[in-house]
Protein backbone atom coordinates (compact mmCIF):
# COMPACT_ATOMS: atom_id res chain seq x y z
CA MET A 1 133.96 110.19 105.96
CA GLY A 2 136.71 111.51 108.22
CA PRO A 3 136.92 110.77 111.97
CA LYS A 4 134.90 113.83 113.01
CA THR A 5 132.22 113.23 110.37
CA THR A 6 132.00 109.57 111.37
CA ARG A 7 131.64 110.57 115.02
CA VAL A 8 128.76 112.93 114.20
CA TYR A 9 127.10 110.26 112.05
CA GLU A 10 127.32 107.70 114.85
CA THR A 11 126.01 110.25 117.38
CA LEU A 12 122.95 111.10 115.28
CA ARG A 13 122.39 107.42 114.42
CA GLU A 14 122.36 106.52 118.11
CA ARG A 15 119.97 109.36 118.96
CA LEU A 16 117.57 108.22 116.23
CA ALA A 17 117.78 104.59 117.35
CA THR A 18 117.15 105.41 121.02
CA GLY A 19 114.23 107.79 120.41
CA THR A 20 115.96 111.05 121.34
CA TYR A 21 114.22 112.57 118.31
CA VAL A 22 110.48 111.82 118.24
CA PRO A 23 109.11 110.06 115.11
CA GLY A 24 107.07 112.39 112.93
CA GLU A 25 108.66 115.55 114.31
CA LYS A 26 110.98 117.97 112.54
CA PHE A 27 114.70 117.22 112.88
CA PRO A 28 116.94 119.93 114.42
CA SER A 29 118.08 122.57 111.94
CA GLU A 30 121.47 122.43 110.26
CA ARG A 31 122.51 125.59 112.12
CA LYS A 32 121.67 124.06 115.49
CA LEU A 33 123.44 120.80 114.69
CA THR A 34 126.61 122.48 113.42
CA GLU A 35 126.86 124.50 116.62
CA GLU A 36 125.98 121.61 118.95
CA LEU A 37 128.19 118.97 117.30
CA ASP A 38 131.07 121.28 116.26
CA ILE A 39 131.02 120.33 112.58
CA GLY A 40 131.01 122.29 109.35
CA ARG A 41 127.81 122.52 107.32
CA THR A 42 129.28 120.73 104.28
CA ALA A 43 130.40 117.77 106.40
CA LEU A 44 127.06 117.75 108.25
CA ARG A 45 125.19 117.57 104.95
CA GLN A 46 127.23 114.47 104.06
CA VAL A 47 126.05 112.89 107.32
CA LEU A 48 122.43 113.89 106.75
CA ALA A 49 122.52 112.60 103.16
CA ARG A 50 123.73 109.23 104.42
CA LEU A 51 120.99 109.09 107.06
CA VAL A 52 118.41 109.89 104.37
CA ALA A 53 119.84 107.16 102.10
CA GLU A 54 119.53 104.68 104.97
CA GLY A 55 115.93 105.64 105.67
CA ALA A 56 116.69 107.10 109.10
CA LEU A 57 115.60 110.60 108.00
CA GLU A 58 113.14 112.05 105.49
CA VAL A 59 113.73 115.23 103.49
CA ARG A 60 111.09 117.93 104.02
CA GLY A 61 111.91 120.90 101.79
CA ARG A 62 115.27 122.57 101.35
CA SER A 63 117.65 121.81 104.24
CA SER A 64 114.74 120.52 106.32
CA TYR A 65 114.41 116.97 107.65
CA ARG A 66 111.91 114.91 109.59
CA VAL A 67 112.18 111.74 111.66
CA PRO A 68 110.14 108.97 109.94
CA GLY A 69 107.34 107.18 111.71
CA GLY A 70 104.71 109.80 112.45
CA VAL A 71 101.09 108.78 111.83
CA SER A 72 97.81 110.70 111.61
CA VAL A 73 95.32 107.86 112.12
CA LYS A 74 94.18 107.12 115.69
CA ALA A 75 93.14 103.79 117.17
CA PRO A 76 89.34 103.57 117.62
CA GLU A 77 88.01 103.67 121.17
CA GLY A 78 85.26 101.73 122.93
CA LEU A 79 85.97 98.29 121.46
CA GLU A 80 86.16 95.33 123.85
CA PRO A 81 88.83 92.59 123.70
CA TRP A 82 88.02 88.90 123.71
CA ARG A 83 87.64 87.27 127.11
CA ILE A 84 89.92 84.30 127.80
CA HIS A 85 88.33 81.89 130.29
CA GLY A 86 91.12 79.34 130.36
CA GLU A 87 93.72 77.36 128.45
CA ARG A 88 95.19 73.87 128.45
CA ASP A 89 98.24 72.26 126.85
CA LEU A 90 97.89 69.53 124.25
CA TYR A 91 101.60 69.24 123.36
CA ASP A 92 104.73 70.98 124.62
CA ASN A 93 108.47 70.74 123.88
CA GLN A 94 111.36 73.20 123.41
CA TRP A 95 110.30 74.08 119.86
CA VAL A 96 106.52 74.22 119.83
CA LYS A 97 103.59 74.32 122.24
CA LEU A 98 100.03 73.49 121.14
CA GLN A 99 97.21 74.73 123.38
CA VAL A 100 93.41 75.03 123.41
CA TRP A 101 92.01 78.31 124.72
CA ASP A 102 88.46 78.87 125.94
CA VAL A 103 87.58 82.27 124.40
CA GLU A 104 84.57 84.56 124.18
CA PRO A 105 84.48 87.37 121.59
CA PRO A 106 82.17 90.33 122.40
CA GLY A 107 78.57 89.41 121.59
CA VAL A 108 79.50 85.89 120.43
CA GLU A 109 79.08 82.55 122.19
CA ARG A 110 82.31 81.27 123.73
CA PHE A 111 84.22 78.50 121.97
CA GLU A 112 87.56 76.67 121.98
CA HIS A 113 90.38 77.94 119.78
CA HIS A 114 93.71 76.23 119.03
CA VAL A 115 96.83 78.32 119.76
CA VAL A 116 100.40 77.48 118.66
CA LYS A 117 103.31 79.03 120.54
CA LEU A 118 106.69 79.10 118.77
CA GLN A 119 110.03 80.75 119.49
CA HIS A 120 110.91 84.45 119.64
CA VAL A 121 113.22 85.22 116.68
CA ALA A 122 115.32 88.07 115.29
CA ILE A 123 116.07 88.64 111.58
CA THR A 124 118.50 91.15 110.06
CA ALA A 125 118.90 92.79 106.66
CA VAL A 126 122.47 94.07 106.31
CA VAL A 127 122.95 96.64 103.52
CA ASP A 128 126.30 97.85 102.22
CA ASP A 129 127.32 101.11 100.50
CA GLN A 130 126.76 99.52 97.06
CA ASP A 131 123.03 99.01 97.73
CA ARG A 132 123.41 95.27 98.22
CA VAL A 133 121.85 93.12 100.96
CA LEU A 134 123.55 90.14 102.61
CA MET A 135 121.52 86.99 101.89
CA MET A 136 121.75 83.20 101.90
CA TRP A 137 120.54 80.72 99.28
CA ARG A 138 119.15 77.86 101.35
CA TYR A 139 117.15 74.68 101.10
CA ARG A 140 114.04 74.42 103.28
CA PHE A 141 112.84 70.85 103.61
CA VAL A 142 109.29 71.68 104.78
CA PRO A 143 108.27 73.41 101.49
CA GLN A 144 111.00 71.32 99.75
CA ARG A 145 112.57 74.19 97.85
CA PHE A 146 115.54 76.55 97.62
CA GLY A 147 115.28 80.28 98.12
CA TRP A 148 116.95 83.46 99.37
CA GLU A 149 116.74 84.34 103.07
CA LEU A 150 118.15 86.88 105.49
CA PRO A 151 120.17 85.66 108.50
CA GLY A 152 118.23 85.22 111.70
CA GLY A 153 117.43 82.87 114.55
CA ILE A 154 116.00 82.24 118.00
CA VAL A 155 116.43 84.81 120.77
CA ASP A 156 118.09 82.90 123.62
CA GLU A 157 116.81 83.27 127.17
CA GLY A 158 118.25 86.42 128.73
CA GLU A 159 119.52 87.69 125.37
CA ALA A 160 118.45 91.03 123.91
CA PRO A 161 117.00 90.73 120.38
CA ALA A 162 119.66 93.13 119.04
CA GLU A 163 122.35 90.80 120.39
CA THR A 164 120.65 87.90 118.65
CA ALA A 165 120.54 89.86 115.41
CA LEU A 166 124.29 90.49 115.49
CA ARG A 167 125.16 86.97 116.64
CA GLU A 168 123.10 85.24 113.96
CA VAL A 169 124.56 87.32 111.14
CA VAL A 170 128.09 86.38 112.22
CA GLU A 171 127.29 82.70 112.80
CA GLU A 172 125.42 82.22 109.53
CA THR A 173 127.46 84.43 107.16
CA GLY A 174 130.84 85.26 108.71
CA TRP A 175 130.11 89.01 108.36
CA ARG A 176 129.66 91.35 111.34
CA PRO A 177 127.37 94.41 110.89
CA LYS A 178 128.75 97.74 112.05
CA ASN A 179 125.38 98.47 113.68
CA VAL A 180 121.82 97.21 113.76
CA GLU A 181 118.61 99.21 114.12
CA HIS A 182 115.27 97.77 115.21
CA VAL A 183 112.56 98.29 112.61
CA VAL A 184 109.46 96.44 113.79
CA THR A 185 108.18 93.57 115.91
CA TYR A 186 105.36 91.60 114.32
CA GLN A 187 103.48 88.29 114.44
CA PRO A 188 103.59 86.25 111.19
CA MET A 189 100.29 84.37 111.79
CA VAL A 190 98.46 86.53 114.29
CA GLY A 191 95.17 84.58 114.22
CA MET A 192 96.53 81.36 115.71
CA VAL A 193 100.32 81.44 116.17
CA ASP A 194 102.31 83.34 118.83
CA SER A 195 105.87 83.84 117.52
CA PRO A 196 107.26 87.39 117.91
CA HIS A 197 109.55 88.33 115.00
CA GLU A 198 112.02 91.18 115.56
CA ILE A 199 113.24 92.84 112.35
CA PHE A 200 116.54 94.71 112.27
CA VAL A 201 118.42 96.61 109.56
CA GLY A 202 122.21 96.85 109.65
CA HIS A 203 124.46 99.17 107.66
CA GLY A 204 127.90 98.08 106.56
CA ALA A 205 129.72 94.92 107.65
CA GLU A 206 133.20 93.49 107.93
CA LYS A 207 134.30 89.95 107.17
CA VAL A 208 135.34 88.32 110.46
CA GLY A 209 135.62 84.68 109.42
CA GLU A 210 133.74 81.79 107.92
CA PRO A 211 130.20 80.80 108.99
CA THR A 212 130.16 78.62 112.10
CA ASP A 213 126.55 77.48 111.73
CA LEU A 214 127.05 75.22 108.71
CA GLU A 215 123.51 73.84 108.82
CA GLU A 216 122.09 77.33 108.39
CA ALA A 217 124.67 78.96 106.11
CA GLY A 218 124.04 77.66 102.58
CA HIS A 219 125.41 79.89 99.81
CA ILE A 220 126.15 83.47 100.94
CA GLU A 221 125.97 86.43 98.59
CA TRP A 222 125.58 90.22 98.53
CA VAL A 223 122.41 90.60 96.45
CA PRO A 224 121.64 93.94 94.71
CA LEU A 225 118.55 95.58 96.15
CA ALA A 226 117.49 96.24 92.58
CA ASP A 227 117.04 92.47 92.18
CA VAL A 228 114.61 92.16 95.10
CA PRO A 229 111.35 92.90 93.20
CA GLY A 230 112.30 90.35 90.56
CA LEU A 231 113.21 87.72 93.15
CA MET A 232 109.91 88.38 94.89
CA ALA A 233 107.97 87.97 91.62
CA GLN A 234 109.75 84.66 91.01
CA GLY A 235 108.86 83.42 94.49
CA GLU A 236 112.51 83.08 95.49
CA LEU A 237 112.29 85.03 98.77
CA LEU A 238 111.47 82.59 101.58
CA GLY A 239 110.06 83.51 104.97
CA SER A 240 107.94 86.39 106.17
CA GLY A 241 110.84 87.98 108.07
CA THR A 242 112.87 88.26 104.88
CA LEU A 243 109.93 89.83 103.05
CA VAL A 244 109.08 92.29 105.83
CA ALA A 245 112.68 93.51 106.16
CA LEU A 246 113.25 93.90 102.42
CA LEU A 247 109.88 95.58 101.83
CA HIS A 248 110.70 98.06 104.60
CA ILE A 249 114.00 98.93 102.90
CA LEU A 250 112.37 99.31 99.49
CA ALA A 251 109.52 101.40 100.92
CA THR A 252 111.81 103.85 102.72
CA ARG A 253 114.00 104.21 99.64
CA GLY A 254 110.90 104.82 97.53
CA LYS A 255 109.88 107.66 99.85
CA GLN A 256 113.34 109.19 99.57
CA SER A 257 113.20 109.11 95.75
CA THR A 258 109.75 110.69 95.67
CA THR A 259 110.76 113.42 98.11
CA ALA A 260 113.93 114.23 96.20
CA ALA A 261 112.00 114.61 92.95
CA ARG A 262 109.67 117.24 94.38
């Protein structure tokens, strides 16, 4: 891409990341974008094709695009949440807090439930233009095994999760993503554990040095996305954050392939 095309790409990328275009709605027409952004239609189509390849846009017919994320199902109404009558700490340090909560589900006798509170973390899948993802082969002593993981770590106090995502990639791999986009926030064990996981996807990266977090780094490699299903079947992908991020990438690419074939 030339400077003008890159500028338009970055402009549209930022608008998609910040919610300027509403998920599920039709993307502005090529004619409108060429006039607004002062770019030729051929160059614009290069930008749109890249956004589709990255999962930021979906193709809807000839020269028509839609912002992903729209849903048709609605949350049911009239359901009551559990009542929380109190809580007490059993154990607390900087890594983990164990509590007992006094809870009462609707129509059920109240009882005590153990709750574990862990850290807030951010995890990033960085993909390059060769359809490879930046991963680390690491040893985890709790399950006592090696496996592939994405870079990630704890969100420091006062730090935005996106800043954590960038920082951890650099510290653990020595590569700096050109950008990161938030995909989802989820809880890995929602029934008992409170540990928000922020998932990001980055596109492109430059080598800025060697890893500084030697305990976390392990062996670093750009792994072909085509290998991910096989690695998953072999049980070599460790951690829910790694699985969620990679499944998101595979799912969005699958949608693009299906749409293109129609």
